[in-house]
Amino acid sequence: MKRFISLPLMLMVAVSALAWGQKGHDTTAAIAERHLTPATRVAVDSLLHGKSIVYWANWLDNASHTKPYAYTKTWHYKNIDEGVRYEEAQANPSGDVVTAVKAQMETLGNPSAAFADKELALKIIVHLLGDMHQPMHMGHATDLGGNRVKVKFFGRDNNLHSIWDGSIVESGHKWSFTEWADQIDRLSPAEAEAVSAGTVDDWAKGTLSIATEVYRKMPADTNVMYNEVAEWTPVIEEQLLKGGLRLAHILNLLFDSEYASTHTSPYTPAM
């Protein structure tokens, strides 16, 4: 009987490791959707054939493992090793989350781009804004973004990247993505606008600073328990909220000319 039970349990463990990937991305997209202007909603509905951005929020995690979209595998992260300044980090020739976000913005803002290209760019950028705000997606190349940093989670063997993908999220709050959005999306309009200030690189640097703290406070062999969950859950809440508000900001800039006339873009393409 134990042999038959073990396989389902193993599958449940494997799926739970994707909780940030699924729930985190859904939460980010759900928050963004609440802050889209009417004009942006019309444009997004057209490009996605009526489906919500939440529907596509986690799509790229699966698509990147298929042949047609294998070129996007490195677009989910930007590796910066310890002691390396953001501006001096070696560029990945296959691209990273920062360059990919900028590229999708260029496609979406290009009036000559084909409909299909804009549709794909929208699906991709919805996912990447979530990835950019997950600290381990700005982790070290030497340890594969924390995947090689062995830690324990309540006494069970795990790794640093995995516990940030899902374990801490689920231990902090047993919420659905709609409950996450309801509870953390409560800033005033002025506060929300302040979150969206700055550039794409500024946002990435902010996540990098959190990653640096995570490495410092959760070195190899740390047994992550209640204290760590309590400390880092508010950080996760903040990062999901930032990702959602900034995604809405980008889409409103790209699809609503009135909004764009009163707000500053986080990225200006080089001429």
Protein backbone atom coordinates (compact mmCIF):
# COMPACT_ATOMS: atom_id res chain seq x y z
CA MET A 1 0.00 0.00 0.00
CA LYS A 2 2.86 2.43 0.83
CA ARG A 3 4.27 1.98 -2.65
CA PHE A 4 0.95 2.95 -4.24
CA ILE A 5 0.52 5.99 -1.97
CA SER A 6 4.04 7.32 -2.51
CA LEU A 7 3.60 8.22 -6.18
CA PRO A 8 0.61 10.55 -5.68
CA LEU A 9 2.40 12.16 -2.76
CA MET A 10 5.48 12.70 -4.88
CA LEU A 11 3.35 14.29 -7.59
CA MET A 12 1.74 16.60 -5.06
CA VAL A 13 5.18 17.73 -3.88
CA ALA A 14 6.26 18.38 -7.46
CA VAL A 15 3.16 20.43 -8.21
CA SER A 16 3.43 22.43 -4.98
CA ALA A 17 6.87 23.62 -6.07
CA LEU A 18 5.10 25.56 -8.83
CA ALA A 19 2.83 27.47 -6.44
CA TRP A 20 4.61 30.81 -6.93
CA GLY A 21 4.75 30.11 -10.62
CA GLN A 22 0.99 29.59 -10.81
CA LYS A 23 -0.49 31.43 -7.86
CA GLY A 24 2.06 34.23 -7.88
CA HIS A 25 1.61 34.89 -11.59
CA ASP A 26 -2.18 34.69 -11.34
CA THR A 27 -2.14 37.15 -8.44
CA THR A 28 0.10 39.58 -10.31
CA ALA A 29 -2.13 39.44 -13.39
CA ALA A 30 -5.33 39.75 -11.33
CA ILE A 31 -4.04 42.89 -9.66
CA ALA A 32 -2.95 44.33 -12.99
CA GLU A 33 -6.35 43.63 -14.51
CA ARG A 34 -8.06 45.69 -11.80
CA HIS A 35 -5.98 48.72 -12.75
CA LEU A 36 -6.40 48.68 -16.52
CA THR A 37 -8.14 51.68 -18.02
CA PRO A 38 -11.23 51.10 -20.19
CA ALA A 39 -9.24 51.78 -23.38
CA THR A 40 -6.57 49.31 -22.33
CA ARG A 41 -9.16 46.66 -21.54
CA VAL A 42 -10.57 46.93 -25.05
CA ALA A 43 -7.11 46.52 -26.60
CA VAL A 44 -6.19 43.60 -24.35
CA ASP A 45 -9.51 41.85 -24.98
CA SER A 46 -8.92 42.17 -28.72
CA LEU A 47 -5.39 40.78 -28.62
CA LEU A 48 -6.34 37.90 -26.32
CA HIS A 49 -9.64 37.14 -28.07
CA GLY A 50 -11.64 37.93 -24.96
CA LYS A 51 -9.57 35.87 -22.53
CA SER A 52 -8.27 37.46 -19.35
CA ILE A 53 -4.59 38.19 -18.78
CA VAL A 54 -4.94 35.89 -15.77
CA TYR A 55 -5.74 33.07 -18.18
CA TRP A 56 -2.31 33.54 -19.78
CA ALA A 57 -0.36 34.52 -16.67
CA ASN A 58 1.52 31.24 -16.24
CA TRP A 59 1.48 30.12 -19.89
CA LEU A 60 5.12 30.92 -20.60
CA ASP A 61 6.43 28.59 -17.89
CA ASN A 62 5.02 25.68 -19.88
CA ALA A 63 5.56 27.13 -23.35
CA SER A 64 9.28 27.69 -22.73
CA HIS A 65 9.70 23.92 -22.54
CA THR A 66 8.20 23.37 -25.99
CA LYS A 67 10.15 23.58 -29.22
CA PRO A 68 8.41 26.64 -30.71
CA TYR A 69 9.15 28.78 -27.64
CA ALA A 70 12.40 27.25 -26.40
CA TYR A 71 14.14 30.52 -27.25
CA THR A 72 12.41 32.09 -24.22
CA LYS A 73 13.97 29.77 -21.62
CA THR A 74 16.46 32.36 -20.37
CA TRP A 75 13.89 35.17 -20.40
CA HIS A 76 12.49 34.28 -16.97
CA TYR A 77 15.47 35.54 -14.96
CA LYS A 78 18.56 37.71 -14.90
CA ASN A 79 21.50 36.14 -13.09
CA ILE A 80 23.83 38.47 -11.21
CA ASP A 81 26.57 36.91 -9.12
CA GLU A 82 27.57 38.03 -5.66
CA GLY A 83 29.57 41.25 -5.62
CA VAL A 84 28.70 42.16 -9.23
CA ARG A 85 26.99 45.50 -9.77
CA TYR A 86 23.76 45.39 -11.75
CA GLU A 87 25.21 47.61 -14.47
CA GLU A 88 28.28 45.38 -14.81
CA ALA A 89 26.51 42.02 -14.95
CA GLN A 90 27.46 39.97 -17.98
CA ALA A 91 24.64 39.90 -20.52
CA ASN A 92 23.16 36.57 -21.47
CA PRO A 93 23.37 36.33 -25.27
CA SER A 94 20.04 34.48 -25.27
CA GLY A 95 18.35 37.30 -23.37
CA ASP A 96 17.07 37.76 -19.83
CA VAL A 97 13.95 38.97 -18.06
CA VAL A 98 14.90 42.65 -18.32
CA THR A 99 15.82 42.69 -22.01
CA ALA A 100 12.78 40.51 -22.78
CA VAL A 101 10.37 42.90 -21.03
CA LYS A 102 11.81 45.80 -22.99
CA ALA A 103 11.56 43.86 -26.26
CA GLN A 104 7.89 43.02 -25.68
CA MET A 105 7.18 46.68 -24.93
CA GLU A 106 8.75 47.64 -28.24
CA THR A 107 6.63 45.10 -30.12
CA LEU A 108 3.41 46.16 -28.40
CA GLY A 109 4.18 49.82 -29.03
CA ASN A 110 5.05 49.33 -32.69
CA PRO A 111 2.08 50.31 -34.89
CA SER A 112 3.56 48.27 -37.75
CA ALA A 113 3.87 45.03 -35.75
CA ALA A 114 1.65 42.16 -36.85
CA PHE A 115 -1.37 41.28 -34.73
CA ALA A 116 0.04 37.81 -33.98
CA ASP A 117 3.35 39.31 -32.82
CA LYS A 118 1.55 41.69 -30.47
CA GLU A 119 -0.63 38.90 -29.13
CA LEU A 120 2.45 36.84 -28.29
CA ALA A 121 4.27 39.83 -26.79
CA LEU A 122 1.32 40.50 -24.49
CA LYS A 123 1.19 36.91 -23.26
CA ILE A 124 4.93 37.01 -22.60
CA ILE A 125 5.09 40.35 -20.80
CA VAL A 126 2.22 39.38 -18.49
CA HIS A 127 4.34 36.48 -17.28
CA LEU A 128 7.67 38.27 -17.16
CA LEU A 129 6.50 41.07 -14.86
CA GLY A 130 5.78 38.36 -12.31
CA ASP A 131 9.17 36.73 -12.81
CA MET A 132 11.01 40.03 -12.46
CA HIS A 133 9.65 40.44 -8.94
CA GLN A 134 10.53 36.95 -7.65
CA PRO A 135 13.87 37.51 -5.84
CA MET A 136 15.48 34.24 -6.89
CA HIS A 137 14.89 35.16 -10.53
CA MET A 138 17.58 37.75 -9.91
CA GLY A 139 19.81 35.20 -8.16
CA HIS A 140 23.36 34.06 -8.80
CA ALA A 141 24.38 32.25 -11.98
CA THR A 142 26.85 30.16 -9.96
CA ASP A 143 24.05 28.46 -8.03
CA LEU A 144 21.35 28.64 -10.73
CA GLY A 145 19.29 31.24 -8.91
CA GLY A 146 19.43 29.39 -5.60
CA ASN A 147 18.62 25.97 -7.02
CA ARG A 148 21.98 24.66 -5.78
CA VAL A 149 21.68 26.25 -2.34
CA LYS A 150 20.51 23.36 -0.19
CA VAL A 151 18.27 24.35 2.70
CA LYS A 152 15.57 22.68 4.77
CA PHE A 153 11.96 23.75 5.00
CA PHE A 154 10.56 22.72 8.38
CA GLY A 155 13.19 20.00 8.51
CA ARG A 156 12.70 18.64 4.98
CA ASP A 157 15.41 18.85 2.35
CA ASN A 158 14.79 21.57 -0.21
CA ASN A 159 16.62 24.36 -2.05
CA LEU A 160 16.48 28.13 -1.84
CA HIS A 161 14.83 28.68 -5.21
CA SER A 162 12.14 26.11 -4.60
CA ILE A 163 11.03 27.46 -1.24
CA TRP A 164 10.67 30.91 -2.80
CA ASP A 165 8.71 29.44 -5.70
CA GLY A 166 6.03 28.06 -3.45
CA SER A 167 6.72 26.92 0.09
CA ILE A 168 6.91 30.32 1.75
CA VAL A 169 3.99 31.63 -0.31
CA GLU A 170 1.68 28.81 0.76
CA SER A 171 2.86 28.88 4.37
CA GLY A 172 2.29 32.61 4.62
CA HIS A 173 -1.31 32.53 3.41
CA LYS A 174 -3.55 29.67 2.31
CA TRP A 175 -5.32 31.97 -0.13
CA SER A 176 -6.58 31.66 -3.67
CA PHE A 177 -5.10 34.14 -6.13
CA THR A 178 -8.28 36.23 -5.91
CA GLU A 179 -7.97 36.37 -2.13
CA TRP A 180 -4.33 37.39 -2.48
CA ALA A 181 -5.34 40.21 -4.81
CA ASP A 182 -8.23 41.30 -2.55
CA GLN A 183 -6.02 41.48 0.53
CA ILE A 184 -2.86 43.14 -0.81
CA ASP A 185 -4.20 45.48 -3.50
CA ARG A 186 -5.21 48.25 -1.12
CA LEU A 187 -2.93 51.20 -1.84
CA SER A 188 -4.26 54.68 -2.43
CA PRO A 189 -4.05 55.96 -6.02
CA ALA A 190 -1.06 58.13 -5.07
CA GLU A 191 0.72 55.19 -3.43
CA ALA A 192 0.02 52.94 -6.40
CA GLU A 193 1.40 55.55 -8.78
CA ALA A 194 4.56 55.85 -6.69
CA VAL A 195 5.10 52.08 -6.97
CA SER A 196 5.04 52.35 -10.76
CA ALA A 197 7.59 55.16 -10.88
CA GLY A 198 11.08 54.54 -12.21
CA THR A 199 12.41 52.37 -15.02
CA VAL A 200 12.36 48.67 -15.79
CA ASP A 201 15.98 48.56 -14.66
CA ASP A 202 15.07 50.31 -11.40
CA TRP A 203 12.46 47.64 -10.76
CA ALA A 204 14.96 44.86 -11.45
CA LYS A 205 17.51 46.47 -9.14
CA GLY A 206 14.91 46.53 -6.39
CA THR A 207 14.36 42.80 -6.75
CA LEU A 208 18.14 42.25 -6.82
CA SER A 209 18.51 44.03 -3.48
CA ILE A 210 15.95 41.65 -1.97
CA ALA A 211 17.75 38.66 -3.47
CA THR A 212 20.97 39.86 -1.86
CA GLU A 213 19.25 39.92 1.54
CA VAL A 214 17.73 36.47 0.96
CA TYR A 215 21.17 35.00 0.29
CA ARG A 216 22.56 36.68 3.40
CA LYS A 217 19.78 35.54 5.71
CA MET A 218 19.18 32.09 4.21
CA PRO A 219 22.61 30.56 3.58
CA ALA A 220 23.07 26.88 2.78
CA ASP A 221 21.83 24.51 5.49
CA THR A 222 19.33 27.02 6.93
CA ASN A 223 16.26 25.33 8.38
CA VAL A 224 13.53 27.70 7.24
CA MET A 225 10.65 27.72 9.73
CA TYR A 226 8.09 30.01 11.33
CA ASN A 227 10.38 32.98 11.89
CA GLU A 228 11.49 33.06 8.26
CA VAL A 229 7.95 32.66 6.96
CA ALA A 230 6.82 35.55 9.16
CA GLU A 231 9.72 37.73 8.02
CA TRP A 232 9.45 37.13 4.29
CA THR A 233 5.69 36.84 3.70
CA PRO A 234 5.25 40.66 3.75
CA VAL A 235 8.06 40.91 1.19
CA ILE A 236 6.25 38.45 -1.08
CA GLU A 237 3.03 40.43 -0.67
CA GLU A 238 4.84 43.60 -1.67
CA GLN A 239 6.53 42.01 -4.67
CA LEU A 240 3.31 40.55 -6.04
CA LEU A 241 1.60 43.90 -5.63
CA LYS A 242 4.45 45.77 -7.31
CA GLY A 243 4.44 43.34 -10.22
CA GLY A 244 0.71 43.79 -10.75
CA LEU A 245 0.68 47.57 -10.52
CA ARG A 246 3.69 47.90 -12.80
CA LEU A 247 2.21 45.52 -15.36
CA ALA A 248 -0.96 47.61 -15.45
CA HIS A 249 1.17 50.76 -15.79
CA ILE A 250 3.00 49.34 -18.81
CA LEU A 251 -0.16 48.16 -20.53
CA ASN A 252 -1.97 51.43 -19.91
CA LEU A 253 0.96 53.35 -21.36
CA LEU A 254 0.97 51.16 -24.46
CA PHE A 255 -2.75 51.02 -25.13
CA ASP A 256 -4.27 54.23 -23.73
CA SER A 257 -3.00 57.45 -25.31
CA GLU A 258 -4.71 59.59 -22.69
CA TYR A 259 -2.96 57.70 -19.88
CA ALA A 260 0.35 57.88 -21.75
CA SER A 261 0.05 61.65 -22.08
CA THR A 262 0.13 62.06 -18.30
CA HIS A 263 2.54 59.30 -17.25
CA THR A 264 6.21 58.54 -17.85
CA SER A 265 7.27 55.33 -19.56
CA PRO A 266 9.65 53.00 -17.67
CA TYR A 267 11.51 52.31 -20.90
CA THR A 268 12.42 54.44 -23.90
CA PRO A 269 13.81 52.44 -26.84
CA ALA A 270 17.22 53.53 -28.10
CA MET A 271 17.07 55.46 -31.35
